[in-house]
Amino acid sequence: VTGFDVPVPLYAMEDYYLPNAARVEDGIREAVEF
């Protein structure tokens, strides 16, 4: 679970870019179900 290499502008998209606990959990569940 990651974002793109470098979001531009960084400060405006930082919250969307960085994975949070919910995105990490969703990514783990998708990988396990694959």
PDB file of N, CA and C in Angstrom:
ATOM      1  N   VAL A   1       0.856  -1.164   0.000  1.00  0.00           N
ATOM      2  CA  VAL A   1       0.000   0.000   0.000  1.00  0.00           C
ATOM      3  C   VAL A   1       0.894   1.215   0.000  1.00  0.00           C
ATOM      4  N   THR A   2       0.966   1.849  -1.118  1.00  0.00           N
ATOM      5  CA  THR A   2       1.791   3.047  -1.231  1.00  0.00           C
ATOM      6  C   THR A   2       1.116   4.037  -2.150  1.00  0.00           C
ATOM      7  N   GLY A   3       1.678   5.202  -2.183  1.00  0.00           N
ATOM      8  CA  GLY A   3       1.206   6.222  -3.100  1.00  0.00           C
ATOM      9  C   GLY A   3       2.150   6.326  -4.279  1.00  0.00           C
ATOM     10  N   PHE A   4       2.010   7.364  -5.039  1.00  0.00           N
ATOM     11  CA  PHE A   4       2.905   7.611  -6.154  1.00  0.00           C
ATOM     12  C   PHE A   4       4.254   8.070  -5.624  1.00  0.00           C
ATOM     13  N   ASP A   5       5.250   8.197  -6.498  1.00  0.00           N
ATOM     14  CA  ASP A   5       6.591   8.573  -6.062  1.00  0.00           C
ATOM     15  C   ASP A   5       6.610   9.907  -5.332  1.00  0.00           C
ATOM     16  N   VAL A   6       6.198  10.972  -5.994  1.00  0.00           N
ATOM     17  CA  VAL A   6       6.215  12.299  -5.368  1.00  0.00           C
ATOM     18  C   VAL A   6       4.965  13.061  -5.796  1.00  0.00           C
ATOM     19  N   PRO A   7       4.046  13.296  -4.859  1.00  0.00           N
ATOM     20  CA  PRO A   7       2.877  14.096  -5.217  1.00  0.00           C
ATOM     21  C   PRO A   7       3.253  15.573  -5.294  1.00  0.00           C
ATOM     22  N   VAL A   8       2.697  16.257  -6.268  1.00  0.00           N
ATOM     23  CA  VAL A   8       2.999  17.682  -6.423  1.00  0.00           C
ATOM     24  C   VAL A   8       1.689  18.439  -6.375  1.00  0.00           C
ATOM     25  N   PRO A   9       1.514  19.431  -5.565  1.00  0.00           N
ATOM     26  CA  PRO A   9       2.421  19.901  -4.517  1.00  0.00           C
ATOM     27  C   PRO A   9       2.339  19.002  -3.291  1.00  0.00           C
ATOM     28  N   LEU A  10       3.474  18.737  -2.702  1.00  0.00           N
ATOM     29  CA  LEU A  10       3.572  17.785  -1.596  1.00  0.00           C
ATOM     30  C   LEU A  10       2.690  18.167  -0.416  1.00  0.00           C
ATOM     31  N   TYR A  11       2.744  19.406   0.001  1.00  0.00           N
ATOM     32  CA  TYR A  11       2.001  19.825   1.192  1.00  0.00           C
ATOM     33  C   TYR A  11       0.490  19.722   1.014  1.00  0.00           C
ATOM     34  N   ALA A  12      -0.001  19.881  -0.197  1.00  0.00           N
ATOM     35  CA  ALA A  12      -1.444  19.858  -0.428  1.00  0.00           C
ATOM     36  C   ALA A  12      -1.996  18.432  -0.481  1.00  0.00           C
ATOM     37  N   MET A  13      -1.168  17.473  -0.866  1.00  0.00           N
ATOM     38  CA  MET A  13      -1.642  16.103  -1.041  1.00  0.00           C
ATOM     39  C   MET A  13      -1.046  15.134  -0.027  1.00  0.00           C
ATOM     40  N   GLU A  14      -0.384  15.651   0.984  1.00  0.00           N
ATOM     41  CA  GLU A  14       0.324  14.783   1.928  1.00  0.00           C
ATOM     42  C   GLU A  14      -0.615  13.805   2.631  1.00  0.00           C
ATOM     43  N   ASP A  15      -1.766  14.265   3.093  1.00  0.00           N
ATOM     44  CA  ASP A  15      -2.689  13.382   3.805  1.00  0.00           C
ATOM     45  C   ASP A  15      -3.238  12.286   2.892  1.00  0.00           C
ATOM     46  N   TYR A  16      -3.446  12.603   1.619  1.00  0.00           N
ATOM     47  CA  TYR A  16      -3.937  11.606   0.670  1.00  0.00           C
ATOM     48  C   TYR A  16      -2.829  10.637   0.276  1.00  0.00           C
ATOM     49  N   TYR A  17      -1.601  11.127   0.208  1.00  0.00           N
ATOM     50  CA  TYR A  17      -0.458  10.356  -0.276  1.00  0.00           C
ATOM     51  C   TYR A  17       0.012   9.317   0.736  1.00  0.00           C
ATOM     52  N   LEU A  18       0.121   9.713   2.001  1.00  0.00           N
ATOM     53  CA  LEU A  18       0.658   8.817   3.019  1.00  0.00           C
ATOM     54  C   LEU A  18      -0.382   7.771   3.412  1.00  0.00           C
ATOM     55  N   PRO A  19       0.015   6.505   3.487  1.00  0.00           N
ATOM     56  CA  PRO A  19      -0.946   5.477   3.879  1.00  0.00           C
ATOM     57  C   PRO A  19      -1.308   5.601   5.354  1.00  0.00           C
ATOM     58  N   ASN A  20      -2.578   5.444   5.655  1.00  0.00           N
ATOM     59  CA  ASN A  20      -3.017   5.444   7.049  1.00  0.00           C
ATOM     60  C   ASN A  20      -3.352   4.005   7.446  1.00  0.00           C
ATOM     61  N   ALA A  21      -3.758   3.801   8.666  1.00  0.00           N
ATOM     62  CA  ALA A  21      -4.010   2.445   9.163  1.00  0.00           C
ATOM     63  C   ALA A  21      -5.086   1.730   8.344  1.00  0.00           C
ATOM     64  N   ALA A  22      -6.113   2.449   7.943  1.00  0.00           N
ATOM     65  CA  ALA A  22      -7.197   1.827   7.171  1.00  0.00           C
ATOM     66  C   ALA A  22      -6.706   1.369   5.800  1.00  0.00           C
ATOM     67  N   ARG A  23      -5.888   2.176   5.132  1.00  0.00           N
ATOM     68  CA  ARG A  23      -5.356   1.784   3.820  1.00  0.00           C
ATOM     69  C   ARG A  23      -4.416   0.593   3.943  1.00  0.00           C
ATOM     70  N   VAL A  24      -3.610   0.567   4.998  1.00  0.00           N
ATOM     71  CA  VAL A  24      -2.706  -0.562   5.206  1.00  0.00           C
ATOM     72  C   VAL A  24      -3.513  -1.839   5.446  1.00  0.00           C
ATOM     73  N   GLU A  25      -4.540  -1.745   6.278  1.00  0.00           N
ATOM     74  CA  GLU A  25      -5.383  -2.912   6.556  1.00  0.00           C
ATOM     75  C   GLU A  25      -6.065  -3.412   5.285  1.00  0.00           C
ATOM     76  N   ASP A  26      -6.599  -2.502   4.486  1.00  0.00           N
ATOM     77  CA  ASP A  26      -7.244  -2.896   3.232  1.00  0.00           C
ATOM     78  C   ASP A  26      -6.253  -3.580   2.293  1.00  0.00           C
ATOM     79  N   GLY A  27      -5.040  -3.056   2.218  1.00  0.00           N
ATOM     80  CA  GLY A  27      -4.015  -3.651   1.366  1.00  0.00           C
ATOM     81  C   GLY A  27      -3.627  -5.045   1.819  1.00  0.00           C
ATOM     82  N   ILE A  28      -3.514  -5.238   3.120  1.00  0.00           N
ATOM     83  CA  ILE A  28      -3.190  -6.564   3.654  1.00  0.00           C
ATOM     84  C   ILE A  28      -4.314  -7.542   3.346  1.00  0.00           C
ATOM     85  N   ARG A  29      -5.551  -7.110   3.554  1.00  0.00           N
ATOM     86  CA  ARG A  29      -6.694  -7.997   3.281  1.00  0.00           C
ATOM     87  C   ARG A  29      -6.754  -8.373   1.800  1.00  0.00           C
ATOM     88  N   GLU A  30      -6.521  -7.418   0.911  1.00  0.00           N
ATOM     89  CA  GLU A  30      -6.532  -7.713  -0.525  1.00  0.00           C
ATOM     90  C   GLU A  30      -5.437  -8.703  -0.885  1.00  0.00           C
ATOM     91  N   ALA A  31      -4.247  -8.538  -0.297  1.00  0.00           N
ATOM     92  CA  ALA A  31      -3.135  -9.436  -0.594  1.00  0.00           C
ATOM     93  C   ALA A  31      -3.416 -10.851  -0.089  1.00  0.00           C
ATOM     94  N   VAL A  32      -4.015 -10.964   1.093  1.00  0.00           N
ATOM     95  CA  VAL A  32      -4.303 -12.281   1.664  1.00  0.00           C
ATOM     96  C   VAL A  32      -5.402 -12.978   0.867  1.00  0.00           C
ATOM     97  N   GLU A  33      -6.393 -12.224   0.413  1.00  0.00           N
ATOM     98  CA  GLU A  33      -7.501 -12.819  -0.333  1.00  0.00           C
ATOM     99  C   GLU A  33      -7.119 -13.184  -1.757  1.00  0.00           C
ATOM    100  N   PHE A  34      -6.021 -12.673  -2.254  1.00  0.00           N
ATOM    101  CA  PHE A  34      -5.587 -12.954  -3.613  1.00  0.00           C
ATOM    102  C   PHE A  34      -5.183 -14.401  -3.686  1.00  0.00           C
TER     103      PHE A  34
END
